[in-house]
């Protein structure tokens, strides 16, 4: 999860159900912690859904 998804292009191309992450810095103790499976992606999406929706609306108003 350290490459490719953070650019936001997915959100513009596929605005619904896009793989998105919040804007944050992170560190892990092992490289394996950076690997995401489907369940981890779904949980992450559930945790960030409201914040991403708010950010999307704010970005839309400025486009």
PDB file of N, CA and C in Angstrom:
ATOM      1  N   UNK A   1       0.815  -1.200   0.000  1.00  0.00           N
ATOM      2  CA  UNK A   1       0.000   0.000   0.000  1.00  0.00           C
ATOM      3  C   UNK A   1       0.856   1.260   0.000  1.00  0.00           C
ATOM      4  N   UNK A   2       2.096   1.133  -0.316  1.00  0.00           N
ATOM      5  CA  UNK A   2       2.945   2.318  -0.315  1.00  0.00           C
ATOM      6  C   UNK A   2       3.067   2.953  -1.686  1.00  0.00           C
ATOM      7  N   UNK A   3       2.460   2.376  -2.687  1.00  0.00           N
ATOM      8  CA  UNK A   3       2.558   2.920  -4.039  1.00  0.00           C
ATOM      9  C   UNK A   3       1.171   3.011  -4.666  1.00  0.00           C
ATOM     10  N   UNK A   4       1.001   3.870  -5.619  1.00  0.00           N
ATOM     11  CA  UNK A   4      -0.042   3.856  -6.621  1.00  0.00           C
ATOM     12  C   UNK A   4      -1.423   4.313  -6.172  1.00  0.00           C
ATOM     13  N   UNK A   5      -1.906   3.938  -5.026  1.00  0.00           N
ATOM     14  CA  UNK A   5      -3.285   4.243  -4.660  1.00  0.00           C
ATOM     15  C   UNK A   5      -3.448   5.660  -4.132  1.00  0.00           C
ATOM     16  N   UNK A   6      -2.416   6.267  -3.638  1.00  0.00           N
ATOM     17  CA  UNK A   6      -2.539   7.556  -2.977  1.00  0.00           C
ATOM     18  C   UNK A   6      -2.641   8.744  -3.923  1.00  0.00           C
ATOM     19  N   UNK A   7      -2.552   8.528  -5.219  1.00  0.00           N
ATOM     20  CA  UNK A   7      -2.538   9.647  -6.159  1.00  0.00           C
ATOM     21  C   UNK A   7      -3.909  10.294  -6.318  1.00  0.00           C
ATOM     22  N   UNK A   8      -4.999   9.560  -6.077  1.00  0.00           N
ATOM     23  CA  UNK A   8      -6.339  10.117  -6.225  1.00  0.00           C
ATOM     24  C   UNK A   8      -6.930   9.949  -7.609  1.00  0.00           C
ATOM     25  N   UNK A   9      -6.146   9.447  -8.584  1.00  0.00           N
ATOM     26  CA  UNK A   9      -6.679   9.261  -9.932  1.00  0.00           C
ATOM     27  C   UNK A   9      -7.810   8.241  -9.953  1.00  0.00           C
ATOM     28  N   UNK A  10      -7.737   7.227  -9.096  1.00  0.00           N
ATOM     29  CA  UNK A  10      -8.824   6.260  -9.029  1.00  0.00           C
ATOM     30  C   UNK A  10     -10.135   6.944  -8.668  1.00  0.00           C
ATOM     31  N   UNK A  11     -10.066   7.868  -7.760  1.00  0.00           N
ATOM     32  CA  UNK A  11     -11.271   8.548  -7.299  1.00  0.00           C
ATOM     33  C   UNK A  11     -11.908   9.346  -8.426  1.00  0.00           C
ATOM     34  N   UNK A  12     -11.115   9.944  -9.286  1.00  0.00           N
ATOM     35  CA  UNK A  12     -11.658  10.716 -10.395  1.00  0.00           C
ATOM     36  C   UNK A  12     -12.195   9.809 -11.497  1.00  0.00           C
ATOM     37  N   UNK A  13     -11.536   8.687 -11.738  1.00  0.00           N
ATOM     38  CA  UNK A  13     -11.953   7.774 -12.790  1.00  0.00           C
ATOM     39  C   UNK A  13     -13.119   6.908 -12.349  1.00  0.00           C
ATOM     40  N   UNK A  14     -13.051   6.380 -11.146  1.00  0.00           N
ATOM     41  CA  UNK A  14     -14.077   5.507 -10.596  1.00  0.00           C
ATOM     42  C   UNK A  14     -14.585   6.119  -9.299  1.00  0.00           C
ATOM     43  N   UNK A  15     -15.473   7.109  -9.375  1.00  0.00           N
ATOM     44  CA  UNK A  15     -15.860   7.824  -8.157  1.00  0.00           C
ATOM     45  C   UNK A  15     -16.605   6.967  -7.139  1.00  0.00           C
ATOM     46  N   UNK A  16     -17.189   5.863  -7.563  1.00  0.00           N
ATOM     47  CA  UNK A  16     -17.914   5.007  -6.637  1.00  0.00           C
ATOM     48  C   UNK A  16     -17.113   3.740  -6.393  1.00  0.00           C
ATOM     49  N   UNK A  17     -16.969   3.378  -5.145  1.00  0.00           N
ATOM     50  CA  UNK A  17     -16.252   2.172  -4.733  1.00  0.00           C
ATOM     51  C   UNK A  17     -14.783   2.186  -5.129  1.00  0.00           C
ATOM     52  N   UNK A  18     -14.185   3.372  -5.230  1.00  0.00           N
ATOM     53  CA  UNK A  18     -12.760   3.459  -5.540  1.00  0.00           C
ATOM     54  C   UNK A  18     -11.946   3.052  -4.322  1.00  0.00           C
ATOM     55  N   UNK A  19     -10.774   2.524  -4.578  1.00  0.00           N
ATOM     56  CA  UNK A  19      -9.856   2.210  -3.483  1.00  0.00           C
ATOM     57  C   UNK A  19      -9.175   3.504  -3.098  1.00  0.00           C
ATOM     58  N   UNK A  20      -9.441   3.978  -1.910  1.00  0.00           N
ATOM     59  CA  UNK A  20      -8.857   5.240  -1.462  1.00  0.00           C
ATOM     60  C   UNK A  20      -8.367   5.089  -0.036  1.00  0.00           C
ATOM     61  N   UNK A  21      -7.401   5.834   0.288  1.00  0.00           N
ATOM     62  CA  UNK A  21      -6.862   5.890   1.639  1.00  0.00           C
ATOM     63  C   UNK A  21      -6.932   7.324   2.118  1.00  0.00           C
ATOM     64  N   UNK A  22      -6.959   7.501   3.407  1.00  0.00           N
ATOM     65  CA  UNK A  22      -6.917   8.843   3.962  1.00  0.00           C
ATOM     66  C   UNK A  22      -5.540   9.448   3.769  1.00  0.00           C
ATOM     67  N   UNK A  23      -5.438  10.714   4.004  1.00  0.00           N
ATOM     68  CA  UNK A  23      -4.148  11.385   3.893  1.00  0.00           C
ATOM     69  C   UNK A  23      -3.472  11.279   5.251  1.00  0.00           C
ATOM     70  N   UNK A  24      -2.442  10.463   5.319  1.00  0.00           N
ATOM     71  CA  UNK A  24      -1.773  10.248   6.588  1.00  0.00           C
ATOM     72  C   UNK A  24      -0.388   9.668   6.354  1.00  0.00           C
ATOM     73  N   UNK A  25       0.433   9.751   7.360  1.00  0.00           N
ATOM     74  CA  UNK A  25       1.741   9.107   7.344  1.00  0.00           C
ATOM     75  C   UNK A  25       1.641   7.851   8.199  1.00  0.00           C
ATOM     76  N   UNK A  26       2.372   6.840   7.836  1.00  0.00           N
ATOM     77  CA  UNK A  26       2.305   5.617   8.611  1.00  0.00           C
ATOM     78  C   UNK A  26       3.660   4.928   8.616  1.00  0.00           C
ATOM     79  N   UNK A  27       3.828   4.064   9.568  1.00  0.00           N
ATOM     80  CA  UNK A  27       5.028   3.237   9.625  1.00  0.00           C
ATOM     81  C   UNK A  27       4.614   1.867  10.137  1.00  0.00           C
ATOM     82  N   UNK A  28       5.406   0.889   9.819  1.00  0.00           N
ATOM     83  CA  UNK A  28       5.143  -0.470  10.281  1.00  0.00           C
ATOM     84  C   UNK A  28       6.435  -1.069  10.809  1.00  0.00           C
ATOM     85  N   UNK A  29       6.282  -2.104  11.582  1.00  0.00           N
ATOM     86  CA  UNK A  29       7.455  -2.796  12.103  1.00  0.00           C
ATOM     87  C   UNK A  29       7.980  -3.825  11.106  1.00  0.00           C
ATOM     88  N   UNK A  30       7.080  -4.344  10.267  1.00  0.00           N
ATOM     89  CA  UNK A  30       7.490  -5.340   9.274  1.00  0.00           C
ATOM     90  C   UNK A  30       6.888  -4.989   7.915  1.00  0.00           C
ATOM     91  N   UNK A  31       7.536  -5.375   6.833  1.00  0.00           N
ATOM     92  CA  UNK A  31       6.980  -5.125   5.498  1.00  0.00           C
ATOM     93  C   UNK A  31       5.644  -5.835   5.277  1.00  0.00           C
ATOM     94  N   UNK A  32       5.431  -6.955   5.949  1.00  0.00           N
ATOM     95  CA  UNK A  32       4.187  -7.708   5.781  1.00  0.00           C
ATOM     96  C   UNK A  32       2.961  -6.909   6.217  1.00  0.00           C
ATOM     97  N   UNK A  33       3.146  -5.984   7.142  1.00  0.00           N
ATOM     98  CA  UNK A  33       2.025  -5.160   7.593  1.00  0.00           C
ATOM     99  C   UNK A  33       1.529  -4.217   6.499  1.00  0.00           C
ATOM    100  N   UNK A  34       2.334  -4.012   5.471  1.00  0.00           N
ATOM    101  CA  UNK A  34       1.931  -3.155   4.360  1.00  0.00           C
ATOM    102  C   UNK A  34       1.085  -3.899   3.334  1.00  0.00           C
ATOM    103  N   UNK A  35       0.994  -5.214   3.461  1.00  0.00           N
ATOM    104  CA  UNK A  35       0.204  -6.008   2.529  1.00  0.00           C
ATOM    105  C   UNK A  35      -1.258  -5.992   2.952  1.00  0.00           C
ATOM    106  N   UNK A  36      -2.132  -5.682   2.008  1.00  0.00           N
ATOM    107  CA  UNK A  36      -3.560  -5.627   2.279  1.00  0.00           C
ATOM    108  C   UNK A  36      -4.257  -6.754   1.540  1.00  0.00           C
ATOM    109  N   UNK A  37      -5.152  -7.453   2.223  1.00  0.00           N
ATOM    110  CA  UNK A  37      -6.014  -8.416   1.554  1.00  0.00           C
ATOM    111  C   UNK A  37      -7.401  -7.788   1.408  1.00  0.00           C
ATOM    112  N   UNK A  38      -8.314  -8.509   0.831  1.00  0.00           N
ATOM    113  CA  UNK A  38      -9.646  -7.967   0.570  1.00  0.00           C
ATOM    114  C   UNK A  38     -10.346  -7.543   1.864  1.00  0.00           C
ATOM    115  N   UNK A  39     -10.244  -8.349   2.894  1.00  0.00           N
ATOM    116  CA  UNK A  39     -10.880  -8.023   4.166  1.00  0.00           C
ATOM    117  C   UNK A  39     -10.326  -6.754   4.791  1.00  0.00           C
ATOM    118  N   UNK A  40      -9.012  -6.597   4.732  1.00  0.00           N
ATOM    119  CA  UNK A  40      -8.380  -5.403   5.300  1.00  0.00           C
ATOM    120  C   UNK A  40      -8.785  -4.156   4.514  1.00  0.00           C
ATOM    121  N   UNK A  41      -8.901  -4.284   3.178  1.00  0.00           N
ATOM    122  CA  UNK A  41      -9.355  -3.156   2.361  1.00  0.00           C
ATOM    123  C   UNK A  41     -10.791  -2.766   2.704  1.00  0.00           C
ATOM    124  N   UNK A  42     -11.663  -3.773   2.862  1.00  0.00           N
ATOM    125  CA  UNK A  42     -13.058  -3.477   3.212  1.00  0.00           C
ATOM    126  C   UNK A  42     -13.161  -2.801   4.573  1.00  0.00           C
ATOM    127  N   UNK A  43     -12.425  -3.307   5.553  1.00  0.00           N
ATOM    128  CA  UNK A  43     -12.444  -2.692   6.884  1.00  0.00           C
ATOM    129  C   UNK A  43     -11.929  -1.265   6.838  1.00  0.00           C
ATOM    130  N   UNK A  44     -10.876  -1.049   6.087  1.00  0.00           N
ATOM    131  CA  UNK A  44     -10.319   0.288   5.954  1.00  0.00           C
ATOM    132  C   UNK A  44     -11.331   1.219   5.290  1.00  0.00           C
ATOM    133  N   UNK A  45     -12.019   0.722   4.269  1.00  0.00           N
ATOM    134  CA  UNK A  45     -13.044   1.521   3.594  1.00  0.00           C
ATOM    135  C   UNK A  45     -14.178   1.894   4.528  1.00  0.00           C
ATOM    136  N   UNK A  46     -14.614   0.948   5.351  1.00  0.00           N
ATOM    137  CA  UNK A  46     -15.676   1.235   6.319  1.00  0.00           C
ATOM    138  C   UNK A  46     -15.240   2.309   7.310  1.00  0.00           C
ATOM    139  N   UNK A  47     -13.995   2.239   7.744  1.00  0.00           N
ATOM    140  CA  UNK A  47     -13.487   3.215   8.710  1.00  0.00           C
ATOM    141  C   UNK A  47     -13.360   4.613   8.123  1.00  0.00           C
ATOM    142  N   UNK A  48     -13.061   4.711   6.833  1.00  0.00           N
ATOM    143  CA  UNK A  48     -12.793   6.005   6.202  1.00  0.00           C
ATOM    144  C   UNK A  48     -13.952   6.536   5.358  1.00  0.00           C
ATOM    145  N   UNK A  49     -15.030   5.795   5.225  1.00  0.00           N
ATOM    146  CA  UNK A  49     -16.099   6.159   4.295  1.00  0.00           C
ATOM    147  C   UNK A  49     -16.644   7.570   4.507  1.00  0.00           C
ATOM    148  N   UNK A  50     -16.950   7.949   5.720  1.00  0.00           N
ATOM    149  CA  UNK A  50     -17.517   9.277   5.990  1.00  0.00           C
ATOM    150  C   UNK A  50     -16.518  10.386   5.662  1.00  0.00           C
ATOM    151  N   UNK A  51     -15.269  10.220   6.056  1.00  0.00           N
ATOM    152  CA  UNK A  51     -14.241  11.234   5.798  1.00  0.00           C
ATOM    153  C   UNK A  51     -13.974  11.379   4.300  1.00  0.00           C
ATOM    154  N   UNK A  52     -13.902  10.274   3.589  1.00  0.00           N
ATOM    155  CA  UNK A  52     -13.671  10.321   2.143  1.00  0.00           C
ATOM    156  C   UNK A  52     -14.838  10.996   1.443  1.00  0.00           C
ATOM    157  N   UNK A  53     -16.054  10.714   1.893  1.00  0.00           N
ATOM    158  CA  UNK A  53     -17.233  11.354   1.313  1.00  0.00           C
ATOM    159  C   UNK A  53     -17.189  12.867   1.500  1.00  0.00           C
ATOM    160  N   UNK A  54     -16.811  13.299   2.681  1.00  0.00           N
ATOM    161  CA  UNK A  54     -16.687  14.734   2.961  1.00  0.00           C
ATOM    162  C   UNK A  54     -15.617  15.367   2.080  1.00  0.00           C
ATOM    163  N   UNK A  55     -14.469  14.713   1.963  1.00  0.00           N
ATOM    164  CA  UNK A  55     -13.387  15.225   1.120  1.00  0.00           C
ATOM    165  C   UNK A  55     -13.792  15.263  -0.346  1.00  0.00           C
ATOM    166  N   UNK A  56     -14.520  14.254  -0.794  1.00  0.00           N
ATOM    167  CA  UNK A  56     -14.968  14.203  -2.185  1.00  0.00           C
ATOM    168  C   UNK A  56     -15.907  15.357  -2.481  1.00  0.00           C
ATOM    169  N   UNK A  57     -16.833  15.621  -1.578  1.00  0.00           N
ATOM    170  CA  UNK A  57     -17.762  16.733  -1.770  1.00  0.00           C
ATOM    171  C   UNK A  57     -17.022  18.065  -1.796  1.00  0.00           C
ATOM    172  N   UNK A  58     -16.071  18.238  -0.911  1.00  0.00           N
ATOM    173  CA  UNK A  58     -15.301  19.482  -0.868  1.00  0.00           C
ATOM    174  C   UNK A  58     -14.495  19.659  -2.154  1.00  0.00           C
ATOM    175  N   UNK A  59     -13.890  18.575  -2.648  1.00  0.00           N
ATOM    176  CA  UNK A  59     -13.126  18.642  -3.896  1.00  0.00           C
ATOM    177  C   UNK A  59     -14.035  18.941  -5.079  1.00  0.00           C
ATOM    178  N   UNK A  60     -15.224  18.339  -5.087  1.00  0.00           N
ATOM    179  CA  UNK A  60     -16.166  18.536  -6.192  1.00  0.00           C
ATOM    180  C   UNK A  60     -16.574  20.003  -6.309  1.00  0.00           C
ATOM    181  N   UNK A  61     -16.760  20.656  -5.183  1.00  0.00           N
ATOM    182  CA  UNK A  61     -17.169  22.059  -5.193  1.00  0.00           C
ATOM    183  C   UNK A  61     -16.086  22.964  -5.771  1.00  0.00           C
ATOM    184  N   UNK A  62     -14.833  22.536  -5.709  1.00  0.00           N
ATOM    185  CA  UNK A  62     -13.718  23.350  -6.197  1.00  0.00           C
ATOM    186  C   UNK A  62     -13.294  23.012  -7.621  1.00  0.00           C
ATOM    187  N   UNK A  63     -13.941  22.037  -8.236  1.00  0.00           N
ATOM    188  CA  UNK A  63     -13.561  21.645  -9.605  1.00  0.00           C
ATOM    189  C   UNK A  63     -14.308  22.437 -10.638  1.00  0.00           C
TER     190      UNK A  63
END
